[in-house]
Protein backbone atom coordinates (compact mmCIF):
# COMPACT_ATOMS: atom_id res chain seq x y z
CA GLU A 1 25.38 43.84 30.74
CA GLY A 2 26.59 40.31 31.82
CA GLU A 3 23.08 39.07 32.43
CA GLU A 4 22.02 40.38 29.00
CA GLU A 5 24.77 38.54 27.21
CA ASP A 6 23.88 35.37 29.21
CA SER A 7 20.27 35.70 28.11
CA ASP A 8 21.29 36.34 24.49
CA ALA A 9 23.53 33.34 24.56
CA GLU A 10 20.76 31.33 26.02
CA LEU A 11 18.40 32.44 23.31
CA GLU A 12 20.84 31.61 20.61
CA GLY A 13 21.45 28.15 22.15
CA GLU A 14 17.61 27.56 22.28
CA ILE A 15 17.31 28.72 18.66
CA SER A 16 20.14 26.46 17.54
CA LYS A 17 18.52 23.52 19.42
CA LEU A 18 15.14 24.07 17.75
CA LYS A 19 16.74 24.39 14.21
CA ALA A 20 18.71 21.11 14.83
CA GLU A 21 15.57 19.43 15.99
CA GLU A 22 13.69 20.59 12.86
CA ARG A 23 16.62 19.35 10.69
CA ARG A 24 16.36 15.94 12.32
CA ARG A 25 12.57 15.93 11.85
CA ARG A 26 12.99 16.70 8.12
CA LYS A 27 15.77 14.05 7.70
CA ARG A 28 13.44 11.45 9.31
CA GLU A 29 10.63 12.36 7.07
CA LYS A 30 12.84 12.14 4.02
CA LYS A 31 14.19 8.80 5.17
CA LYS A 32 10.56 7.53 5.48
CA GLN A 33 9.68 8.70 2.04
CA ARG A 34 12.83 7.03 0.56
CA GLU A 35 12.02 3.83 2.40
CA LYS A 36 8.32 3.97 1.19
CA ALA A 37 9.50 4.64 -2.43
CA ALA A 38 12.00 1.82 -2.38
CA LYS A 39 9.41 -0.58 -1.02
CA LEU A 40 7.04 0.40 -3.78
CA ARG A 41 9.79 -0.19 -6.46
CA LEU A 42 10.39 -3.54 -5.10
CA ARG A 43 6.76 -4.45 -5.03
CA GLN A 44 6.47 -3.19 -8.62
CA ALA A 45 9.52 -5.22 -9.68
CA ALA A 46 7.96 -8.37 -8.20
CA GLY A 47 4.72 -7.67 -9.94
CA MET A 48 2.84 -7.17 -6.60
CA GLU A 49 1.77 -3.59 -7.21
CA HIS A 50 -0.90 -2.71 -9.80
CA ARG A 51 -2.28 0.68 -10.25
CA ALA A 52 -5.20 -0.38 -12.26
CA PHE A 53 -7.59 1.40 -9.84
CA ASP A 54 -7.14 3.62 -6.98
CA LEU A 55 -8.04 2.33 -3.49
CA PRO A 56 -8.23 4.44 -0.42
CA GLU A 57 -5.22 3.91 1.81
CA HIS A 58 -7.14 3.50 5.11
CA GLU A 59 -8.23 0.18 6.62
CA SER A 60 -11.91 1.14 7.08
CA VAL A 61 -12.59 0.14 3.53
CA PHE A 62 -12.36 -3.55 4.70
CA SER A 63 -14.32 -3.06 7.88
CA LEU A 64 -17.22 -5.54 8.29
CA ALA A 65 -18.84 -3.20 10.83
CA GLN A 66 -20.61 -1.47 8.01
CA ILE A 67 -22.63 -4.61 7.10
CA SER A 68 -25.79 -4.30 9.03
CA GLY A 69 -28.08 -7.20 7.75
CA LYS A 70 -28.20 -10.49 6.07
CA GLY A 71 -28.99 -8.81 2.68
CA GLN A 72 -25.91 -6.76 2.84
CA LEU A 73 -23.78 -9.78 3.79
CA GLU A 74 -25.21 -11.87 0.89
CA ALA A 75 -24.42 -9.12 -1.46
CA VAL A 76 -20.84 -8.87 -0.28
CA ARG A 77 -20.46 -12.72 -0.57
CA ASP A 78 -22.02 -12.79 -3.97
CA VAL A 79 -19.49 -10.46 -5.66
CA ASP A 80 -18.19 -11.84 -9.04
CA LEU A 81 -14.44 -10.79 -9.14
CA ALA A 82 -14.19 -11.75 -12.79
CA LYS A 83 -16.86 -9.11 -13.69
CA LEU A 84 -15.22 -6.54 -11.42
CA GLU A 85 -11.83 -7.10 -13.00
CA ALA A 86 -13.31 -6.93 -16.59
CA ALA A 87 -15.03 -3.57 -15.63
CA ALA A 88 -11.87 -2.31 -14.22
CA ALA A 89 -9.98 -3.19 -17.37
CA LEU A 90 -12.60 -1.44 -19.54
CA ASP A 91 -12.64 1.65 -17.37
CA ARG A 92 -8.93 2.11 -17.90
CA PHE A 93 -9.41 3.07 -21.47
CA SER A 94 -10.82 6.59 -22.09
CA ASP A 95 -12.36 7.60 -25.26
CA ASP A 96 -9.00 9.11 -26.36
CA ASP A 97 -7.23 5.78 -25.85
CA GLU A 98 -9.92 3.94 -27.86
CA ALA A 99 -9.65 6.52 -30.65
CA GLU A 100 -5.96 6.12 -30.60
CA LEU A 101 -6.11 2.34 -30.75
CA ARG A 102 -8.64 2.48 -33.68
CA GLY A 103 -6.39 4.99 -35.45
CA GLY A 104 -3.40 2.77 -35.09
CA GLU A 105 -5.19 -0.23 -36.49
CA GLU A 106 -6.83 1.60 -39.40
CA GLY A 107 -3.97 3.91 -40.39
CA GLY A 108 -1.75 1.03 -41.47
CA GLY A 109 0.80 3.05 -43.28
CA GLY A 110 1.25 6.32 -45.22
CA GLY A 111 -0.15 9.80 -45.13
CA GLY A 112 -1.33 10.22 -41.49
CA GLU A 113 -4.99 10.71 -42.73
CA LEU A 114 -7.57 8.34 -41.27
CA GLY A 115 -10.36 7.06 -43.09
CA PRO A 116 -14.02 7.29 -41.96
CA PRO A 117 -14.77 5.70 -38.61
């Protein structure tokens, strides 16, 4: 009986260690998430974070290893950022947004009915 109680106590000790380890792991994850959220809030407050378009979060997007020839290199170099920014700005508005904007301009006052488009 003494050995059985020792093994039970040993198992309970092991279980409590595993639970404590899991709690510490969860606490670390929550801390990382809080730090990441705080950093994002600071960046947004400083005007450094814009969600105009989504970018993948991995660094391979910026890899030059994918460029395999002079033609591809020229294409990358000749990108007009002004055109890309204008296209991104236009893409942000969906048809619903455009209709809402038109409705707000034409509606002007009163009854809530819109005139012909």
